[in-house]
Amino acid sequence: MNARKTLLALCVAVGSGATLLPAVASAEIYVRIAPPAPRIDVAGQPADTVSAGLGGRRSGKGRKRGTAPAPQPAVPIDLDTATPDAIEALPRIGPALAHRIVANRDSLGPFRSLDGLRRVKGVGPATIALIEPLVTFSRQTRP
């Protein structure tokens, strides 16, 4: 094997994390490659769909495992008069966003529509689409 091929084989072997064993009576280099890590069954998912130790791919957003979705309100919530606790019952709205909604309403007046709700930081098109059937607007300020 010429020097260029030997160097290339060495670079590939080192880059893949292989263990190098020099040959006893030869100028060639032998490479021992470790077997792949075994697959693990994670949370009831078949082993062939889950990478070992990774637990599958997840995006950065969304519901964490083991948490139930928030219960949806039985009657529409009036966002022009609702308390932060009532607003928090809506999907995708946690305590911080509920308080931002109330603070924005108290400082700038009632929302009057879904378009008015868009002025709150953190309320985008996806949230609007989810809560549209669950909210109403009375167009009056909170007492």
C-alpha atoms as a PDB file:
ATOM      1  CA  MET A   1       0.000   0.000   0.000  1.00  0.00           C
ATOM      2  CA  ASN A   2       1.493   3.344  -0.915  1.00  0.00           C
ATOM      3  CA  ALA A   3       1.910   6.207   1.556  1.00  0.00           C
ATOM      4  CA  ARG A   4      -1.121   8.179   0.291  1.00  0.00           C
ATOM      5  CA  LYS A   5      -3.524   5.212   0.729  1.00  0.00           C
ATOM      6  CA  THR A   6      -2.049   4.443   4.139  1.00  0.00           C
ATOM      7  CA  LEU A   7      -2.537   8.042   5.272  1.00  0.00           C
ATOM      8  CA  LEU A   8      -6.100   8.075   3.930  1.00  0.00           C
ATOM      9  CA  ALA A   9      -6.924   4.815   5.730  1.00  0.00           C
ATOM     10  CA  LEU A  10      -5.406   6.209   8.922  1.00  0.00           C
ATOM     11  CA  CYS A  11      -7.455   9.438   8.694  1.00  0.00           C
ATOM     12  CA  VAL A  12     -10.690   7.537   8.072  1.00  0.00           C
ATOM     13  CA  ALA A  13     -10.000   5.135  10.917  1.00  0.00           C
ATOM     14  CA  VAL A  14      -9.150   7.869  13.411  1.00  0.00           C
ATOM     15  CA  GLY A  15     -12.118   9.984  12.304  1.00  0.00           C
ATOM     16  CA  SER A  16     -14.522   7.086  12.893  1.00  0.00           C
ATOM     17  CA  GLY A  17     -13.201   6.441  16.398  1.00  0.00           C
ATOM     18  CA  ALA A  18     -11.663   3.089  15.552  1.00  0.00           C
ATOM     19  CA  THR A  19      -8.819   1.483  17.510  1.00  0.00           C
ATOM     20  CA  LEU A  20      -5.585   1.159  15.526  1.00  0.00           C
ATOM     21  CA  LEU A  21      -3.440  -1.958  15.801  1.00  0.00           C
ATOM     22  CA  PRO A  22      -0.036  -1.912  14.040  1.00  0.00           C
ATOM     23  CA  ALA A  23       0.801  -5.074  12.124  1.00  0.00           C
ATOM     24  CA  VAL A  24       3.648  -7.146  13.526  1.00  0.00           C
ATOM     25  CA  ALA A  25       5.526  -8.097  10.359  1.00  0.00           C
ATOM     26  CA  SER A  26       4.065  -5.651   7.861  1.00  0.00           C
ATOM     27  CA  ALA A  27       4.049  -1.990   6.954  1.00  0.00           C
ATOM     28  CA  GLU A  28       0.243  -1.973   6.678  1.00  0.00           C
ATOM     29  CA  ILE A  29      -2.135  -0.769   9.366  1.00  0.00           C
ATOM     30  CA  TYR A  30      -5.058  -2.876  10.513  1.00  0.00           C
ATOM     31  CA  VAL A  31      -8.162  -1.220  11.890  1.00  0.00           C
ATOM     32  CA  ARG A  32     -10.570  -2.749  14.382  1.00  0.00           C
ATOM     33  CA  ILE A  33     -13.965  -1.046  14.344  1.00  0.00           C
ATOM     34  CA  ALA A  34     -16.245  -1.333  17.364  1.00  0.00           C
ATOM     35  CA  PRO A  35     -19.697  -2.856  16.766  1.00  0.00           C
ATOM     36  CA  PRO A  36     -22.668  -0.435  16.713  1.00  0.00           C
ATOM     37  CA  ALA A  37     -24.419   0.349  19.995  1.00  0.00           C
ATOM     38  CA  PRO A  38     -27.452  -1.850  20.736  1.00  0.00           C
ATOM     39  CA  ARG A  39     -30.968  -0.466  20.240  1.00  0.00           C
ATOM     40  CA  ILE A  40     -32.999   0.219  23.354  1.00  0.00           C
ATOM     41  CA  ASP A  41     -36.774   0.053  23.811  1.00  0.00           C
ATOM     42  CA  VAL A  42     -37.782   3.467  25.185  1.00  0.00           C
ATOM     43  CA  ALA A  43     -41.238   4.270  26.578  1.00  0.00           C
ATOM     44  CA  GLY A  44     -43.001   1.495  24.706  1.00  0.00           C
ATOM     45  CA  GLN A  45     -41.657   2.483  21.279  1.00  0.00           C
ATOM     46  CA  PRO A  46     -40.257  -0.340  19.150  1.00  0.00           C
ATOM     47  CA  ALA A  47     -36.499  -0.653  19.383  1.00  0.00           C
ATOM     48  CA  ASP A  48     -36.036  -0.204  15.636  1.00  0.00           C
ATOM     49  CA  THR A  49     -37.500   3.330  15.748  1.00  0.00           C
ATOM     50  CA  VAL A  50     -35.508   4.695  18.680  1.00  0.00           C
ATOM     51  CA  SER A  51     -31.809   5.535  18.654  1.00  0.00           C
ATOM     52  CA  ALA A  52     -29.885   4.180  21.607  1.00  0.00           C
ATOM     53  CA  GLY A  53     -29.935   6.684  24.440  1.00  0.00           C
ATOM     54  CA  LEU A  54     -31.680   9.423  22.495  1.00  0.00           C
ATOM     55  CA  GLY A  55     -35.321   8.533  23.088  1.00  0.00           C
ATOM     56  CA  GLY A  56     -36.350   9.651  19.620  1.00  0.00           C
ATOM     57  CA  ARG A  57     -36.290  13.069  18.035  1.00  0.00           C
ATOM     58  CA  ARG A  58     -38.302  15.917  19.444  1.00  0.00           C
ATOM     59  CA  SER A  59     -38.708  19.467  18.360  1.00  0.00           C
ATOM     60  CA  GLY A  60     -37.902  22.250  20.762  1.00  0.00           C
ATOM     61  CA  LYS A  61     -41.502  23.122  21.401  1.00  0.00           C
ATOM     62  CA  GLY A  62     -44.545  21.171  22.406  1.00  0.00           C
ATOM     63  CA  ARG A  63     -45.888  19.230  25.309  1.00  0.00           C
ATOM     64  CA  LYS A  64     -43.457  17.366  27.531  1.00  0.00           C
ATOM     65  CA  ARG A  65     -43.926  13.644  27.995  1.00  0.00           C
ATOM     66  CA  GLY A  66     -46.136  12.626  30.839  1.00  0.00           C
ATOM     67  CA  THR A  67     -48.117  15.869  30.990  1.00  0.00           C
ATOM     68  CA  ALA A  68     -51.775  15.889  30.106  1.00  0.00           C
ATOM     69  CA  PRO A  69     -53.160  18.529  27.753  1.00  0.00           C
ATOM     70  CA  ALA A  70     -54.859  21.467  29.460  1.00  0.00           C
ATOM     71  CA  PRO A  71     -58.623  21.009  29.881  1.00  0.00           C
ATOM     72  CA  GLN A  72     -60.597  23.172  27.471  1.00  0.00           C
ATOM     73  CA  PRO A  73     -63.143  25.612  28.934  1.00  0.00           C
ATOM     74  CA  ALA A  74     -66.814  24.563  28.804  1.00  0.00           C
ATOM     75  CA  VAL A  75     -68.036  28.051  27.849  1.00  0.00           C
ATOM     76  CA  PRO A  76     -66.204  30.692  25.778  1.00  0.00           C
ATOM     77  CA  ILE A  77     -63.903  32.938  27.811  1.00  0.00           C
ATOM     78  CA  ASP A  78     -64.413  36.683  27.447  1.00  0.00           C
ATOM     79  CA  LEU A  79     -60.866  37.985  26.972  1.00  0.00           C
ATOM     80  CA  ASP A  80     -61.969  41.574  27.610  1.00  0.00           C
ATOM     81  CA  THR A  81     -62.906  40.757  31.236  1.00  0.00           C
ATOM     82  CA  ALA A  82     -61.270  37.394  32.135  1.00  0.00           C
ATOM     83  CA  THR A  83     -58.779  36.880  34.948  1.00  0.00           C
ATOM     84  CA  PRO A  84     -55.295  35.437  34.287  1.00  0.00           C
ATOM     85  CA  ASP A  85     -56.379  32.099  35.804  1.00  0.00           C
ATOM     86  CA  ALA A  86     -59.330  31.830  33.401  1.00  0.00           C
ATOM     87  CA  ILE A  87     -57.169  32.770  30.404  1.00  0.00           C
ATOM     88  CA  GLU A  88     -54.591  30.159  31.408  1.00  0.00           C
ATOM     89  CA  ALA A  89     -57.191  27.421  30.788  1.00  0.00           C
ATOM     90  CA  LEU A  90     -56.880  28.077  27.040  1.00  0.00           C
ATOM     91  CA  PRO A  91     -54.537  25.877  24.965  1.00  0.00           C
ATOM     92  CA  ARG A  92     -50.949  27.143  24.462  1.00  0.00           C
ATOM     93  CA  ILE A  93     -51.403  29.831  27.119  1.00  0.00           C
ATOM     94  CA  GLY A  94     -49.375  29.471  30.283  1.00  0.00           C
ATOM     95  CA  PRO A  95     -49.131  31.735  33.340  1.00  0.00           C
ATOM     96  CA  ALA A  96     -46.664  34.210  31.812  1.00  0.00           C
ATOM     97  CA  LEU A  97     -48.664  34.705  28.610  1.00  0.00           C
ATOM     98  CA  ALA A  98     -51.940  34.985  30.566  1.00  0.00           C
ATOM     99  CA  HIS A  99     -50.425  37.771  32.679  1.00  0.00           C
ATOM    100  CA  ARG A 100     -49.103  39.519  29.530  1.00  0.00           C
ATOM    101  CA  ILE A 101     -52.593  39.377  27.999  1.00  0.00           C
ATOM    102  CA  VAL A 102     -54.177  40.946  31.097  1.00  0.00           C
ATOM    103  CA  ALA A 103     -51.425  43.577  31.429  1.00  0.00           C
ATOM    104  CA  ASN A 104     -51.824  44.552  27.772  1.00  0.00           C
ATOM    105  CA  ARG A 105     -55.601  44.756  28.118  1.00  0.00           C
ATOM    106  CA  ASP A 106     -55.331  46.862  31.288  1.00  0.00           C
ATOM    107  CA  SER A 107     -52.882  49.311  29.738  1.00  0.00           C
ATOM    108  CA  LEU A 108     -54.286  49.616  26.184  1.00  0.00           C
ATOM    109  CA  GLY A 109     -57.964  48.801  26.688  1.00  0.00           C
ATOM    110  CA  PRO A 110     -60.143  45.879  25.617  1.00  0.00           C
ATOM    111  CA  PHE A 111     -59.109  43.731  22.666  1.00  0.00           C
ATOM    112  CA  ARG A 112     -62.543  43.764  20.966  1.00  0.00           C
ATOM    113  CA  SER A 113     -61.493  41.018  18.507  1.00  0.00           C
ATOM    114  CA  LEU A 114     -58.855  38.410  17.705  1.00  0.00           C
ATOM    115  CA  ASP A 115     -57.003  41.050  15.685  1.00  0.00           C
ATOM    116  CA  GLY A 116     -56.680  43.123  18.862  1.00  0.00           C
ATOM    117  CA  LEU A 117     -55.270  40.122  20.699  1.00  0.00           C
ATOM    118  CA  ARG A 118     -52.422  39.880  18.160  1.00  0.00           C
ATOM    119  CA  ARG A 119     -50.795  42.948  19.743  1.00  0.00           C
ATOM    120  CA  VAL A 120     -49.735  40.796  22.725  1.00  0.00           C
ATOM    121  CA  LYS A 121     -46.193  39.438  22.426  1.00  0.00           C
ATOM    122  CA  GLY A 122     -46.332  35.641  22.235  1.00  0.00           C
ATOM    123  CA  VAL A 123     -49.756  35.412  20.598  1.00  0.00           C
ATOM    124  CA  GLY A 124     -49.285  34.432  16.967  1.00  0.00           C
ATOM    125  CA  PRO A 125     -51.326  32.869  14.192  1.00  0.00           C
ATOM    126  CA  ALA A 126     -51.070  29.325  15.594  1.00  0.00           C
ATOM    127  CA  THR A 127     -52.351  30.371  19.017  1.00  0.00           C
ATOM    128  CA  ILE A 128     -55.118  32.482  17.479  1.00  0.00           C
ATOM    129  CA  ALA A 129     -56.267  29.511  15.378  1.00  0.00           C
ATOM    130  CA  LEU A 130     -56.405  27.243  18.449  1.00  0.00           C
ATOM    131  CA  ILE A 131     -58.285  29.598  20.755  1.00  0.00           C
ATOM    132  CA  GLU A 132     -60.656  31.187  18.210  1.00  0.00           C
ATOM    133  CA  PRO A 133     -63.624  28.906  19.006  1.00  0.00           C
ATOM    134  CA  LEU A 134     -62.940  29.145  22.748  1.00  0.00           C
ATOM    135  CA  VAL A 135     -62.957  32.920  23.267  1.00  0.00           C
ATOM    136  CA  THR A 136     -65.350  35.841  22.969  1.00  0.00           C
ATOM    137  CA  PHE A 137     -65.033  39.612  23.325  1.00  0.00           C
ATOM    138  CA  SER A 138     -67.531  41.820  25.203  1.00  0.00           C
ATOM    139  CA  ARG A 139     -65.860  45.089  24.195  1.00  0.00           C
ATOM    140  CA  GLN A 140     -66.011  46.393  27.707  1.00  0.00           C
ATOM    141  CA  THR A 141     -63.378  46.976  30.342  1.00  0.00           C
ATOM    142  CA  ARG A 142     -63.045  44.828  33.400  1.00  0.00           C
ATOM    143  CA  PRO A 143     -64.846  46.235  36.489  1.00  0.00           C
END
